Amino acid sequence: MAYAAMCDDADLVTGVYSAPDTLEEPAFEGDIRSTDERMTEYFNTRGVNGTARQASFNARIRGRFPGPGFTYNPELDAFVGPQHFASWTLDETGAWQPPIPRPDDGQNYTWDEPNQAWVIAAE
């Protein structure tokens, strides 16, 4: 099964759709369109507007499987989830990283944005 994330003009993912596997291969000899271009045409002719970006559950295509609210980052060629905290920065893989690494002592922590610290989560 092939998947496409449909993105608006700002590269915001508006929906994720299944697509025929045949869109991952050229439609005819000499077809130089990319998979994204073939998927865009397929969905646009079926009333789903936007630009398609290939996605995959199984393969590490574009970093992670997207959902509505993700963005496509063309510089990283990756889907990026929403930024939940203003202090976190985007790394080279498209993952948000805290300013202080999470403690690795087996406890369950949550991020306290106002205090810029990890706190032990209430049970």
PDB file of N, CA and C in Angstrom:
ATOM      1  N   MET A   1       0.853  -1.175   0.000  1.00  0.00           N
ATOM      2  CA  MET A   1       0.000   0.000   0.000  1.00  0.00           C
ATOM      3  C   MET A   1       0.896   1.234   0.000  1.00  0.00           C
ATOM      4  N   ALA A   2       0.583   2.161  -0.854  1.00  0.00           N
ATOM      5  CA  ALA A   2       1.304   3.431  -0.921  1.00  0.00           C
ATOM      6  C   ALA A   2       0.491   4.486  -0.174  1.00  0.00           C
ATOM      7  N   TYR A   3       1.183   5.485   0.342  1.00  0.00           N
ATOM      8  CA  TYR A   3       0.515   6.567   1.071  1.00  0.00           C
ATOM      9  C   TYR A   3       1.031   7.909   0.584  1.00  0.00           C
ATOM     10  N   ALA A   4       0.142   8.888   0.626  1.00  0.00           N
ATOM     11  CA  ALA A   4       0.508  10.253   0.260  1.00  0.00           C
ATOM     12  C   ALA A   4      -0.038  11.208   1.303  1.00  0.00           C
ATOM     13  N   ALA A   5       0.813  12.122   1.724  1.00  0.00           N
ATOM     14  CA  ALA A   5       0.380  13.235   2.570  1.00  0.00           C
ATOM     15  C   ALA A   5       0.079  14.388   1.630  1.00  0.00           C
ATOM     16  N   MET A   6      -1.127  14.906   1.699  1.00  0.00           N
ATOM     17  CA  MET A   6      -1.488  16.051   0.868  1.00  0.00           C
ATOM     18  C   MET A   6      -1.149  17.317   1.642  1.00  0.00           C
ATOM     19  N   CYS A   7      -0.406  18.202   0.983  1.00  0.00           N
ATOM     20  CA  CYS A   7       0.089  19.424   1.629  1.00  0.00           C
ATOM     21  C   CYS A   7      -0.464  20.655   0.922  1.00  0.00           C
ATOM     22  N   ASP A   8      -0.712  21.703   1.710  1.00  0.00           N
ATOM     23  CA  ASP A   8      -1.165  22.966   1.129  1.00  0.00           C
ATOM     24  C   ASP A   8       0.045  23.770   0.661  1.00  0.00           C
ATOM     25  N   ASP A   9      -0.187  25.004   0.242  1.00  0.00           N
ATOM     26  CA  ASP A   9       0.896  25.839  -0.290  1.00  0.00           C
ATOM     27  C   ASP A   9       1.973  26.163   0.738  1.00  0.00           C
ATOM     28  N   ALA A  10       1.651  26.064   2.026  1.00  0.00           N
ATOM     29  CA  ALA A  10       2.627  26.312   3.094  1.00  0.00           C
ATOM     30  C   ALA A  10       3.278  25.012   3.572  1.00  0.00           C
ATOM     31  N   ASP A  11       3.061  23.907   2.844  1.00  0.00           N
ATOM     32  CA  ASP A  11       3.586  22.578   3.178  1.00  0.00           C
ATOM     33  C   ASP A  11       3.004  21.994   4.457  1.00  0.00           C
ATOM     34  N   LEU A  12       1.837  22.475   4.873  1.00  0.00           N
ATOM     35  CA  LEU A  12       1.124  21.907   6.013  1.00  0.00           C
ATOM     36  C   LEU A  12       0.345  20.684   5.530  1.00  0.00           C
ATOM     37  N   VAL A  13       0.489  19.559   6.234  1.00  0.00           N
ATOM     38  CA  VAL A  13      -0.227  18.336   5.870  1.00  0.00           C
ATOM     39  C   VAL A  13      -1.705  18.515   6.216  1.00  0.00           C
ATOM     40  N   THR A  14      -2.548  18.374   5.202  1.00  0.00           N
ATOM     41  CA  THR A  14      -3.991  18.521   5.400  1.00  0.00           C
ATOM     42  C   THR A  14      -4.699  17.179   5.497  1.00  0.00           C
ATOM     43  N   GLY A  15      -4.044  16.117   5.069  1.00  0.00           N
ATOM     44  CA  GLY A  15      -4.619  14.777   5.146  1.00  0.00           C
ATOM     45  C   GLY A  15      -3.631  13.753   4.623  1.00  0.00           C
ATOM     46  N   VAL A  16      -3.832  12.502   5.015  1.00  0.00           N
ATOM     47  CA  VAL A  16      -2.988  11.401   4.545  1.00  0.00           C
ATOM     48  C   VAL A  16      -3.914  10.357   3.932  1.00  0.00           C
ATOM     49  N   TYR A  17      -3.572   9.896   2.732  1.00  0.00           N
ATOM     50  CA  TYR A  17      -4.448   9.024   1.964  1.00  0.00           C
ATOM     51  C   TYR A  17      -3.685   7.809   1.450  1.00  0.00           C
ATOM     52  N   SER A  18      -4.397   6.694   1.312  1.00  0.00           N
ATOM     53  CA  SER A  18      -3.802   5.525   0.671  1.00  0.00           C
ATOM     54  C   SER A  18      -3.910   5.711  -0.837  1.00  0.00           C
ATOM     55  N   ALA A  19      -2.963   5.118  -1.535  1.00  0.00           N
ATOM     56  CA  ALA A  19      -2.896   5.260  -2.982  1.00  0.00           C
ATOM     57  C   ALA A  19      -2.499   3.918  -3.593  1.00  0.00           C
ATOM     58  N   PRO A  20      -2.819   3.712  -4.857  1.00  0.00           N
ATOM     59  CA  PRO A  20      -2.402   2.477  -5.512  1.00  0.00           C
ATOM     60  C   PRO A  20      -0.873   2.364  -5.554  1.00  0.00           C
ATOM     61  N   ASP A  21      -0.377   1.157  -5.311  1.00  0.00           N
ATOM     62  CA  ASP A  21       1.072   0.922  -5.373  1.00  0.00           C
ATOM     63  C   ASP A  21       1.649   1.286  -6.733  1.00  0.00           C
ATOM     64  N   THR A  22       0.846   1.198  -7.777  1.00  0.00           N
ATOM     65  CA  THR A  22       1.335   1.472  -9.128  1.00  0.00           C
ATOM     66  C   THR A  22       1.832   2.907  -9.286  1.00  0.00           C
ATOM     67  N   LEU A  23       1.414   3.811  -8.411  1.00  0.00           N
ATOM     68  CA  LEU A  23       1.874   5.200  -8.510  1.00  0.00           C
ATOM     69  C   LEU A  23       3.340   5.348  -8.126  1.00  0.00           C
ATOM     70  N   GLU A  24       3.905   4.326  -7.489  1.00  0.00           N
ATOM     71  CA  GLU A  24       5.310   4.391  -7.088  1.00  0.00           C
ATOM     72  C   GLU A  24       6.258   4.064  -8.242  1.00  0.00           C
ATOM     73  N   GLU A  25       5.703   3.582  -9.352  1.00  0.00           N
ATOM     74  CA  GLU A  25       6.505   3.215 -10.526  1.00  0.00           C
ATOM     75  C   GLU A  25       6.076   4.072 -11.713  1.00  0.00           C
ATOM     76  N   PRO A  26       6.981   4.301 -12.672  1.00  0.00           N
ATOM     77  CA  PRO A  26       6.595   5.062 -13.866  1.00  0.00           C
ATOM     78  C   PRO A  26       5.374   4.437 -14.548  1.00  0.00           C
ATOM     79  N   ALA A  27       4.481   5.278 -15.045  1.00  0.00           N
ATOM     80  CA  ALA A  27       3.242   4.802 -15.663  1.00  0.00           C
ATOM     81  C   ALA A  27       3.476   4.233 -17.062  1.00  0.00           C
ATOM     82  N   PHE A  28       4.543   4.681 -17.712  1.00  0.00           N
ATOM     83  CA  PHE A  28       4.846   4.236 -19.067  1.00  0.00           C
ATOM     84  C   PHE A  28       6.330   4.464 -19.308  1.00  0.00           C
ATOM     85  N   GLU A  29       6.851   3.810 -20.332  1.00  0.00           N
ATOM     86  CA  GLU A  29       8.265   3.988 -20.662  1.00  0.00           C
ATOM     87  C   GLU A  29       8.523   5.452 -20.981  1.00  0.00           C
ATOM     88  N   GLY A  30       9.530   6.023 -20.361  1.00  0.00           N
ATOM     89  CA  GLY A  30       9.851   7.422 -20.570  1.00  0.00           C
ATOM     90  C   GLY A  30       9.153   8.368 -19.605  1.00  0.00           C
ATOM     91  N   ASP A  31       8.315   7.823 -18.703  1.00  0.00           N
ATOM     92  CA  ASP A  31       7.632   8.656 -17.699  1.00  0.00           C
ATOM     93  C   ASP A  31       8.682   9.134 -16.696  1.00  0.00           C
ATOM     94  N   ILE A  32       8.992  10.423 -16.728  1.00  0.00           N
ATOM     95  CA  ILE A  32      10.035  10.954 -15.844  1.00  0.00           C
ATOM     96  C   ILE A  32       9.457  11.678 -14.629  1.00  0.00           C
ATOM     97  N   ARG A  33       8.136  11.618 -14.472  1.00  0.00           N
ATOM     98  CA  ARG A  33       7.522  12.262 -13.310  1.00  0.00           C
ATOM     99  C   ARG A  33       7.944  11.536 -12.033  1.00  0.00           C
ATOM    100  N   SER A  34       8.100  12.292 -10.967  1.00  0.00           N
ATOM    101  CA  SER A  34       8.426  11.690  -9.674  1.00  0.00           C
ATOM    102  C   SER A  34       7.179  11.026  -9.095  1.00  0.00           C
ATOM    103  N   THR A  35       7.390  10.190  -8.091  1.00  0.00           N
ATOM    104  CA  THR A  35       6.253   9.583  -7.395  1.00  0.00           C
ATOM    105  C   THR A  35       5.343  10.668  -6.841  1.00  0.00           C
ATOM    106  N   ASP A  36       5.928  11.721  -6.270  1.00  0.00           N
ATOM    107  CA  ASP A  36       5.115  12.825  -5.742  1.00  0.00           C
ATOM    108  C   ASP A  36       4.255  13.451  -6.840  1.00  0.00           C
ATOM    109  N   GLU A  37       4.836  13.648  -8.012  1.00  0.00           N
ATOM    110  CA  GLU A  37       4.079  14.250  -9.117  1.00  0.00           C
ATOM    111  C   GLU A  37       2.942  13.338  -9.570  1.00  0.00           C
ATOM    112  N   ARG A  38       3.217  12.028  -9.669  1.00  0.00           N
ATOM    113  CA  ARG A  38       2.163  11.087 -10.067  1.00  0.00           C
ATOM    114  C   ARG A  38       1.045  11.063  -9.026  1.00  0.00           C
ATOM    115  N   MET A  39       1.418  11.064  -7.738  1.00  0.00           N
ATOM    116  CA  MET A  39       0.411  11.049  -6.675  1.00  0.00           C
ATOM    117  C   MET A  39      -0.395  12.351  -6.657  1.00  0.00           C
ATOM    118  N   THR A  40       0.268  13.474  -6.883  1.00  0.00           N
ATOM    119  CA  THR A  40      -0.436  14.760  -6.925  1.00  0.00           C
ATOM    120  C   THR A  40      -1.490  14.746  -8.023  1.00  0.00           C
ATOM    121  N   GLU A  41      -1.102  14.313  -9.214  1.00  0.00           N
ATOM    122  CA  GLU A  41      -2.056  14.252 -10.326  1.00  0.00           C
ATOM    123  C   GLU A  41      -3.210  13.304  -9.991  1.00  0.00           C
ATOM    124  N   TYR A  42      -2.894  12.141  -9.444  1.00  0.00           N
ATOM    125  CA  TYR A  42      -3.922  11.150  -9.095  1.00  0.00           C
ATOM    126  C   TYR A  42      -4.956  11.749  -8.140  1.00  0.00           C
ATOM    127  N   PHE A  43      -4.501  12.363  -7.069  1.00  0.00           N
ATOM    128  CA  PHE A  43      -5.437  12.893  -6.070  1.00  0.00           C
ATOM    129  C   PHE A  43      -6.142  14.164  -6.543  1.00  0.00           C
ATOM    130  N   ASN A  44      -5.422  15.050  -7.238  1.00  0.00           N
ATOM    131  CA  ASN A  44      -6.057  16.279  -7.725  1.00  0.00           C
ATOM    132  C   ASN A  44      -7.197  15.972  -8.694  1.00  0.00           C
ATOM    133  N   THR A  45      -7.033  14.944  -9.542  1.00  0.00           N
ATOM    134  CA  THR A  45      -8.108  14.589 -10.480  1.00  0.00           C
ATOM    135  C   THR A  45      -9.282  13.916  -9.771  1.00  0.00           C
ATOM    136  N   ARG A  46      -9.104  13.582  -8.509  1.00  0.00           N
ATOM    137  CA  ARG A  46     -10.183  12.980  -7.716  1.00  0.00           C
ATOM    138  C   ARG A  46     -10.725  13.951  -6.668  1.00  0.00           C
ATOM    139  N   GLY A  47     -10.397  15.234  -6.822  1.00  0.00           N
ATOM    140  CA  GLY A  47     -10.964  16.262  -5.957  1.00  0.00           C
ATOM    141  C   GLY A  47     -10.236  16.512  -4.656  1.00  0.00           C
ATOM    142  N   VAL A  48      -9.063  15.897  -4.482  1.00  0.00           N
ATOM    143  CA  VAL A  48      -8.263  16.151  -3.276  1.00  0.00           C
ATOM    144  C   VAL A  48      -7.177  17.141  -3.678  1.00  0.00           C
ATOM    145  N   ASN A  49      -7.282  18.364  -3.214  1.00  0.00           N
ATOM    146  CA  ASN A  49      -6.370  19.424  -3.627  1.00  0.00           C
ATOM    147  C   ASN A  49      -5.089  19.419  -2.811  1.00  0.00           C
ATOM    148  N   GLY A  50      -4.041  19.946  -3.416  1.00  0.00           N
ATOM    149  CA  GLY A  50      -2.760  20.091  -2.744  1.00  0.00           C
ATOM    150  C   GLY A  50      -1.656  19.397  -3.508  1.00  0.00           C
ATOM    151  N   THR A  51      -0.505  19.343  -2.872  1.00  0.00           N
ATOM    152  CA  THR A  51       0.664  18.671  -3.417  1.00  0.00           C
ATOM    153  C   THR A  51       0.899  17.410  -2.607  1.00  0.00           C
ATOM    154  N   ALA A  52       1.034  16.284  -3.301  1.00  0.00           N
ATOM    155  CA  ALA A  52       1.249  15.007  -2.618  1.00  0.00           C
ATOM    156  C   ALA A  52       2.727  14.825  -2.291  1.00  0.00           C
ATOM    157  N   ARG A  53       2.969  14.297  -1.113  1.00  0.00           N
ATOM    158  CA  ARG A  53       4.316  13.911  -0.680  1.00  0.00           C
ATOM    159  C   ARG A  53       4.228  12.458  -0.237  1.00  0.00           C
ATOM    160  N   GLN A  54       5.020  11.602  -0.876  1.00  0.00           N
ATOM    161  CA  GLN A  54       4.983  10.183  -0.547  1.00  0.00           C
ATOM    162  C   GLN A  54       5.324   9.961   0.917  1.00  0.00           C
ATOM    163  N   ALA A  55       4.614   9.038   1.549  1.00  0.00           N
ATOM    164  CA  ALA A  55       4.844   8.682   2.950  1.00  0.00           C
ATOM    165  C   ALA A  55       4.802   7.165   3.068  1.00  0.00           C
ATOM    166  N   SER A  56       5.324   6.627   4.172  1.00  0.00           N
ATOM    167  CA  SER A  56       5.324   5.182   4.358  1.00  0.00           C
ATOM    168  C   SER A  56       5.283   4.824   5.832  1.00  0.00           C
ATOM    169  N   PHE A  57       4.459   3.808   6.158  1.00  0.00           N
ATOM    170  CA  PHE A  57       4.448   3.260   7.515  1.00  0.00           C
ATOM    171  C   PHE A  57       5.705   2.432   7.764  1.00  0.00           C
ATOM    172  N   ASN A  58       6.123   1.679   6.750  1.00  0.00           N
ATOM    173  CA  ASN A  58       7.156   0.660   6.927  1.00  0.00           C
ATOM    174  C   ASN A  58       8.571   1.141   6.654  1.00  0.00           C
ATOM    175  N   ALA A  59       8.729   2.002   5.687  1.00  0.00           N
ATOM    176  CA  ALA A  59      10.061   2.473   5.311  1.00  0.00           C
ATOM    177  C   ALA A  59      10.325   3.824   5.957  1.00  0.00           C
ATOM    178  N   ARG A  60      11.565   4.165   6.068  1.00  0.00           N
ATOM    179  CA  ARG A  60      11.936   5.459   6.652  1.00  0.00           C
ATOM    180  C   ARG A  60      11.952   6.529   5.564  1.00  0.00           C
ATOM    181  N   ILE A  61      10.818   6.659   4.899  1.00  0.00           N
ATOM    182  CA  ILE A  61      10.688   7.707   3.887  1.00  0.00           C
ATOM    183  C   ILE A  61      10.313   8.995   4.602  1.00  0.00           C
ATOM    184  N   ARG A  62      11.133   9.991   4.437  1.00  0.00           N
ATOM    185  CA  ARG A  62      10.846  11.329   4.972  1.00  0.00           C
ATOM    186  C   ARG A  62      10.690  11.358   6.485  1.00  0.00           C
ATOM    187  N   GLY A  63      11.494  10.560   7.162  1.00  0.00           N
ATOM    188  CA  GLY A  63      11.635  10.671   8.609  1.00  0.00           C
ATOM    189  C   GLY A  63      10.617   9.952   9.449  1.00  0.00           C
ATOM    190  N   ARG A  64       9.354  10.187   9.189  1.00  0.00           N
ATOM    191  CA  ARG A  64       8.288   9.606  10.020  1.00  0.00           C
ATOM    192  C   ARG A  64       6.982   9.667   9.248  1.00  0.00           C
ATOM    193  N   PHE A  65       6.020   8.870   9.691  1.00  0.00           N
ATOM    194  CA  PHE A  65       4.707   8.903   9.046  1.00  0.00           C
ATOM    195  C   PHE A  65       3.975  10.151   9.534  1.00  0.00           C
ATOM    196  N   PRO A  66       3.466  10.969   8.618  1.00  0.00           N
ATOM    197  CA  PRO A  66       2.835  12.231   9.020  1.00  0.00           C
ATOM    198  C   PRO A  66       1.367  12.075   9.383  1.00  0.00           C
ATOM    199  N   GLY A  67       0.834  13.129   9.897  1.00  0.00           N
ATOM    200  CA  GLY A  67      -0.596  13.246  10.161  1.00  0.00           C
ATOM    201  C   GLY A  67      -0.996  14.693   9.959  1.00  0.00           C
ATOM    202  N   PRO A  68      -2.292  14.977   9.961  1.00  0.00           N
ATOM    203  CA  PRO A  68      -2.723  16.372   9.855  1.00  0.00           C
ATOM    204  C   PRO A  68      -2.059  17.221  10.943  1.00  0.00           C
ATOM    205  N   GLY A  69      -1.593  18.394  10.553  1.00  0.00           N
ATOM    206  CA  GLY A  69      -0.888  19.267  11.490  1.00  0.00           C
ATOM    207  C   GLY A  69       0.624  19.176  11.374  1.00  0.00           C
ATOM    208  N   PHE A  70       1.134  18.115  10.752  1.00  0.00           N
ATOM    209  CA  PHE A  70       2.563  18.026  10.465  1.00  0.00           C
ATOM    210  C   PHE A  70       2.865  18.986   9.321  1.00  0.00           C
ATOM    211  N   THR A  71       4.127  19.280   9.117  1.00  0.00           N
ATOM    212  CA  THR A  71       4.548  20.030   7.941  1.00  0.00           C
ATOM    213  C   THR A  71       5.586  19.209   7.196  1.00  0.00           C
ATOM    214  N   TYR A  72       5.694  19.483   5.903  1.00  0.00           N
ATOM    215  CA  TYR A  72       6.749  18.882   5.102  1.00  0.00           C
ATOM    216  C   TYR A  72       7.863  19.910   5.005  1.00  0.00           C
ATOM    217  N   ASN A  73       9.071  19.527   5.409  1.00  0.00           N
ATOM    218  CA  ASN A  73      10.227  20.416   5.358  1.00  0.00           C
ATOM    219  C   ASN A  73      11.066  20.019   4.148  1.00  0.00           C
ATOM    220  N   PRO A  74      11.054  20.816   3.067  1.00  0.00           N
ATOM    221  CA  PRO A  74      11.791  20.439   1.865  1.00  0.00           C
ATOM    222  C   PRO A  74      13.304  20.419   2.052  1.00  0.00           C
ATOM    223  N   GLU A  75      13.833  21.228   2.960  1.00  0.00           N
ATOM    224  CA  GLU A  75      15.280  21.225   3.195  1.00  0.00           C
ATOM    225  C   GLU A  75      15.740  19.904   3.800  1.00  0.00           C
ATOM    226  N   LEU A  76      14.922  19.327   4.667  1.00  0.00           N
ATOM    227  CA  LEU A  76      15.243  18.037   5.287  1.00  0.00           C
ATOM    228  C   LEU A  76      14.655  16.865   4.508  1.00  0.00           C
ATOM    229  N   ASP A  77      13.757  17.154   3.567  1.00  0.00           N
ATOM    230  CA  ASP A  77      12.963  16.135   2.887  1.00  0.00           C
ATOM    231  C   ASP A  77      12.332  15.213   3.928  1.00  0.00           C
ATOM    232  N   ALA A  78      11.688  15.846   4.919  1.00  0.00           N
ATOM    233  CA  ALA A  78      11.118  15.097   6.042  1.00  0.00           C
ATOM    234  C   ALA A  78       9.828  15.752   6.520  1.00  0.00           C
ATOM    235  N   PHE A  79       8.977  14.917   7.107  1.00  0.00           N
ATOM    236  CA  PHE A  79       7.782  15.415   7.779  1.00  0.00           C
ATOM    237  C   PHE A  79       8.156  15.777   9.207  1.00  0.00           C
ATOM    238  N   VAL A  80       7.655  16.910   9.660  1.00  0.00           N
ATOM    239  CA  VAL A  80       7.970  17.423  10.994  1.00  0.00           C
ATOM    240  C   VAL A  80       6.665  17.586  11.768  1.00  0.00           C
ATOM    241  N   GLY A  81       6.634  17.025  12.967  1.00  0.00           N
ATOM    242  CA  GLY A  81       5.458  17.160  13.818  1.00  0.00           C
ATOM    243  C   GLY A  81       5.350  18.570  14.371  1.00  0.00           C
ATOM    244  N   PRO A  82       4.206  18.893  14.951  1.00  0.00           N
ATOM    245  CA  PRO A  82       4.030  20.224  15.535  1.00  0.00           C
ATOM    246  C   PRO A  82       5.047  20.489  16.648  1.00  0.00           C
ATOM    247  N   GLN A  83       5.461  21.736  16.780  1.00  0.00           N
ATOM    248  CA  GLN A  83       6.368  22.140  17.859  1.00  0.00           C
ATOM    249  C   GLN A  83       5.521  22.410  19.098  1.00  0.00           C
ATOM    250  N   HIS A  84       5.661  21.552  20.105  1.00  0.00           N
ATOM    251  CA  HIS A  84       4.839  21.681  21.309  1.00  0.00           C
ATOM    252  C   HIS A  84       5.390  22.694  22.308  1.00  0.00           C
ATOM    253  N   PHE A  85       6.697  22.956  22.247  1.00  0.00           N
ATOM    254  CA  PHE A  85       7.321  23.893  23.189  1.00  0.00           C
ATOM    255  C   PHE A  85       8.218  24.852  22.419  1.00  0.00           C
ATOM    256  N   ALA A  86       8.107  26.142  22.711  1.00  0.00           N
ATOM    257  CA  ALA A  86       8.863  27.170  21.992  1.00  0.00           C
ATOM    258  C   ALA A  86      10.370  27.020  22.154  1.00  0.00           C
ATOM    259  N   SER A  87      10.816  26.436  23.248  1.00  0.00           N
ATOM    260  CA  SER A  87      12.254  26.328  23.513  1.00  0.00           C
ATOM    261  C   SER A  87      12.917  25.162  22.777  1.00  0.00           C
ATOM    262  N   TRP A  88      12.130  24.252  22.234  1.00  0.00           N
ATOM    263  CA  TRP A  88      12.702  23.089  21.565  1.00  0.00           C
ATOM    264  C   TRP A  88      13.133  23.469  20.153  1.00  0.00           C
ATOM    265  N   THR A  89      14.202  22.847  19.670  1.00  0.00           N
ATOM    266  CA  THR A  89      14.743  23.149  18.350  1.00  0.00           C
ATOM    267  C   THR A  89      14.686  21.910  17.459  1.00  0.00           C
ATOM    268  N   LEU A  90      14.623  22.167  16.179  1.00  0.00           N
ATOM    269  CA  LEU A  90      14.537  21.102  15.187  1.00  0.00           C
ATOM    270  C   LEU A  90      15.931  20.579  14.876  1.00  0.00           C
ATOM    271  N   ASP A  91      16.105  19.245  14.926  1.00  0.00           N
ATOM    272  CA  ASP A  91      17.410  18.680  14.585  1.00  0.00           C
ATOM    273  C   ASP A  91      17.448  18.291  13.109  1.00  0.00           C
ATOM    274  N   GLU A  92      18.561  17.714  12.675  1.00  0.00           N
ATOM    275  CA  GLU A  92      18.767  17.395  11.265  1.00  0.00           C
ATOM    276  C   GLU A  92      17.869  16.272  10.760  1.00  0.00           C
ATOM    277  N   THR A  93      17.193  15.552  11.656  1.00  0.00           N
ATOM    278  CA  THR A  93      16.276  14.485  11.245  1.00  0.00           C
ATOM    279  C   THR A  93      14.823  14.947  11.222  1.00  0.00           C
ATOM    280  N   GLY A  94      14.567  16.181  11.644  1.00  0.00           N
ATOM    281  CA  GLY A  94      13.204  16.686  11.698  1.00  0.00           C
ATOM    282  C   GLY A  94      12.506  16.392  13.012  1.00  0.00           C
ATOM    283  N   ALA A  95      13.265  16.033  14.034  1.00  0.00           N
ATOM    284  CA  ALA A  95      12.700  15.781  15.370  1.00  0.00           C
ATOM    285  C   ALA A  95      12.958  16.995  16.258  1.00  0.00           C
ATOM    286  N   TRP A  96      11.985  17.308  17.113  1.00  0.00           N
ATOM    287  CA  TRP A  96      12.136  18.421  18.054  1.00  0.00           C
ATOM    288  C   TRP A  96      12.947  17.961  19.256  1.00  0.00           C
ATOM    289  N   GLN A  97      13.955  18.755  19.635  1.00  0.00           N
ATOM    290  CA  GLN A  97      14.841  18.405  20.742  1.00  0.00           C
ATOM    291  C   GLN A  97      14.745  19.459  21.846  1.00  0.00           C
ATOM    292  N   PRO A  98      14.697  19.001  23.100  1.00  0.00           N
ATOM    293  CA  PRO A  98      14.634  19.945  24.218  1.00  0.00           C
ATOM    294  C   PRO A  98      15.986  20.620  24.435  1.00  0.00           C
ATOM    295  N   PRO A  99      15.991  21.771  25.104  1.00  0.00           N
ATOM    296  CA  PRO A  99      17.260  22.446  25.372  1.00  0.00           C
ATOM    297  C   PRO A  99      18.122  21.689  26.383  1.00  0.00           C
ATOM    298  N   ILE A 100      17.495  20.832  27.179  1.00  0.00           N
ATOM    299  CA  ILE A 100      18.199  20.009  28.169  1.00  0.00           C
ATOM    300  C   ILE A 100      17.785  18.563  27.918  1.00  0.00           C
ATOM    301  N   PRO A 101      18.737  17.645  27.750  1.00  0.00           N
ATOM    302  CA  PRO A 101      18.355  16.253  27.506  1.00  0.00           C
ATOM    303  C   PRO A 101      17.505  15.686  28.641  1.00  0.00           C
ATOM    304  N   ARG A 102      16.580  14.826  28.270  1.00  0.00           N
ATOM    305  CA  ARG A 102      15.717  14.168  29.251  1.00  0.00           C
ATOM    306  C   ARG A 102      16.562  13.233  30.113  1.00  0.00           C
ATOM    307  N   PRO A 103      16.365  13.230  31.437  1.00  0.00           N
ATOM    308  CA  PRO A 103      17.114  12.307  32.298  1.00  0.00           C
ATOM    309  C   PRO A 103      16.844  10.854  31.898  1.00  0.00           C
ATOM    310  N   ASP A 104      17.870  10.050  32.017  1.00  0.00           N
ATOM    311  CA  ASP A 104      17.766   8.641  31.636  1.00  0.00           C
ATOM    312  C   ASP A 104      17.950   7.765  32.876  1.00  0.00           C
ATOM    313  N   ASP A 105      17.053   7.944  33.847  1.00  0.00           N
ATOM    314  CA  ASP A 105      17.182   7.197  35.101  1.00  0.00           C
ATOM    315  C   ASP A 105      15.994   6.276  35.356  1.00  0.00           C
ATOM    316  N   GLY A 106      15.191   6.041  34.308  1.00  0.00           N
ATOM    317  CA  GLY A 106      14.067   5.127  34.438  1.00  0.00           C
ATOM    318  C   GLY A 106      12.785   5.761  34.946  1.00  0.00           C
ATOM    319  N   GLN A 107      12.827   7.013  35.354  1.00  0.00           N
ATOM    320  CA  GLN A 107      11.626   7.708  35.838  1.00  0.00           C
ATOM    321  C   GLN A 107      10.857   8.282  34.645  1.00  0.00           C
ATOM    322  N   ASN A 108       9.583   8.562  34.856  1.00  0.00           N
ATOM    323  CA  ASN A 108       8.744   9.174  33.831  1.00  0.00           C
ATOM    324  C   ASN A 108       8.737  10.690  34.042  1.00  0.00           C
ATOM    325  N   TYR A 109       9.186  11.427  33.024  1.00  0.00           N
ATOM    326  CA  TYR A 109       9.305  12.884  33.128  1.00  0.00           C
ATOM    327  C   TYR A 109       8.382  13.587  32.143  1.00  0.00           C
ATOM    328  N   THR A 110       8.037  14.821  32.465  1.00  0.00           N
ATOM    329  CA  THR A 110       7.371  15.733  31.542  1.00  0.00           C
ATOM    330  C   THR A 110       8.176  17.030  31.505  1.00  0.00           C
ATOM    331  N   TRP A 111       8.023  17.756  30.414  1.00  0.00           N
ATOM    332  CA  TRP A 111       8.762  19.005  30.239  1.00  0.00           C
ATOM    333  C   TRP A 111       7.982  20.162  30.854  1.00  0.00           C
ATOM    334  N   ASP A 112       8.666  20.966  31.663  1.00  0.00           N
ATOM    335  CA  ASP A 112       8.092  22.166  32.287  1.00  0.00           C
ATOM    336  C   ASP A 112       8.650  23.371  31.528  1.00  0.00           C
ATOM    337  N   GLU A 113       7.883  23.865  30.570  1.00  0.00           N
ATOM    338  CA  GLU A 113       8.356  24.947  29.703  1.00  0.00           C
ATOM    339  C   GLU A 113       8.671  26.235  30.462  1.00  0.00           C
ATOM    340  N   PRO A 114       7.811  26.714  31.376  1.00  0.00           N
ATOM    341  CA  PRO A 114       8.134  27.971  32.066  1.00  0.00           C
ATOM    342  C   PRO A 114       9.452  27.913  32.845  1.00  0.00           C
ATOM    343  N   ASN A 115       9.763  26.747  33.421  1.00  0.00           N
ATOM    344  CA  ASN A 115      10.993  26.611  34.213  1.00  0.00           C
ATOM    345  C   ASN A 115      12.145  25.987  33.441  1.00  0.00           C
ATOM    346  N   GLN A 116      11.889  25.638  32.178  1.00  0.00           N
ATOM    347  CA  GLN A 116      12.921  25.046  31.328  1.00  0.00           C
ATOM    348  C   GLN A 116      13.598  23.865  32.019  1.00  0.00           C
ATOM    349  N   ALA A 117      12.781  22.917  32.480  1.00  0.00           N
ATOM    350  CA  ALA A 117      13.323  21.772  33.222  1.00  0.00           C
ATOM    351  C   ALA A 117      12.421  20.556  33.050  1.00  0.00           C
ATOM    352  N   TRP A 118      13.004  19.394  33.254  1.00  0.00           N
ATOM    353  CA  TRP A 118      12.250  18.149  33.308  1.00  0.00           C
ATOM    354  C   TRP A 118      11.772  17.945  34.734  1.00  0.00           C
ATOM    355  N   VAL A 119      10.514  17.542  34.887  1.00  0.00           N
ATOM    356  CA  VAL A 119       9.967  17.247  36.215  1.00  0.00           C
ATOM    357  C   VAL A 119       9.380  15.839  36.185  1.00  0.00           C
ATOM    358  N   ILE A 120       9.470  15.166  37.315  1.00  0.00           N
ATOM    359  CA  ILE A 120       8.924  13.817  37.402  1.00  0.00           C
ATOM    360  C   ILE A 120       7.408  13.905  37.252  1.00  0.00           C
ATOM    361  N   ALA A 121       6.871  13.081  36.370  1.00  0.00           N
ATOM    362  CA  ALA A 121       5.436  13.099  36.079  1.00  0.00           C
ATOM    363  C   ALA A 121       4.643  12.545  37.253  1.00  0.00           C
ATOM    364  N   ALA A 122       3.491  13.137  37.489  1.00  0.00           N
ATOM    365  CA  ALA A 122       2.587  12.624  38.525  1.00  0.00           C
ATOM    366  C   ALA A 122       2.020  11.295  38.046  1.00  0.00           C
ATOM    367  N   GLU A 123       1.864  10.376  38.957  1.00  0.00           N
ATOM    368  CA  GLU A 123       1.367   9.047  38.588  1.00  0.00           C
ATOM    369  C   GLU A 123      -0.105   8.990  38.512  1.00  0.00           C
TER     370      GLU A 123
END
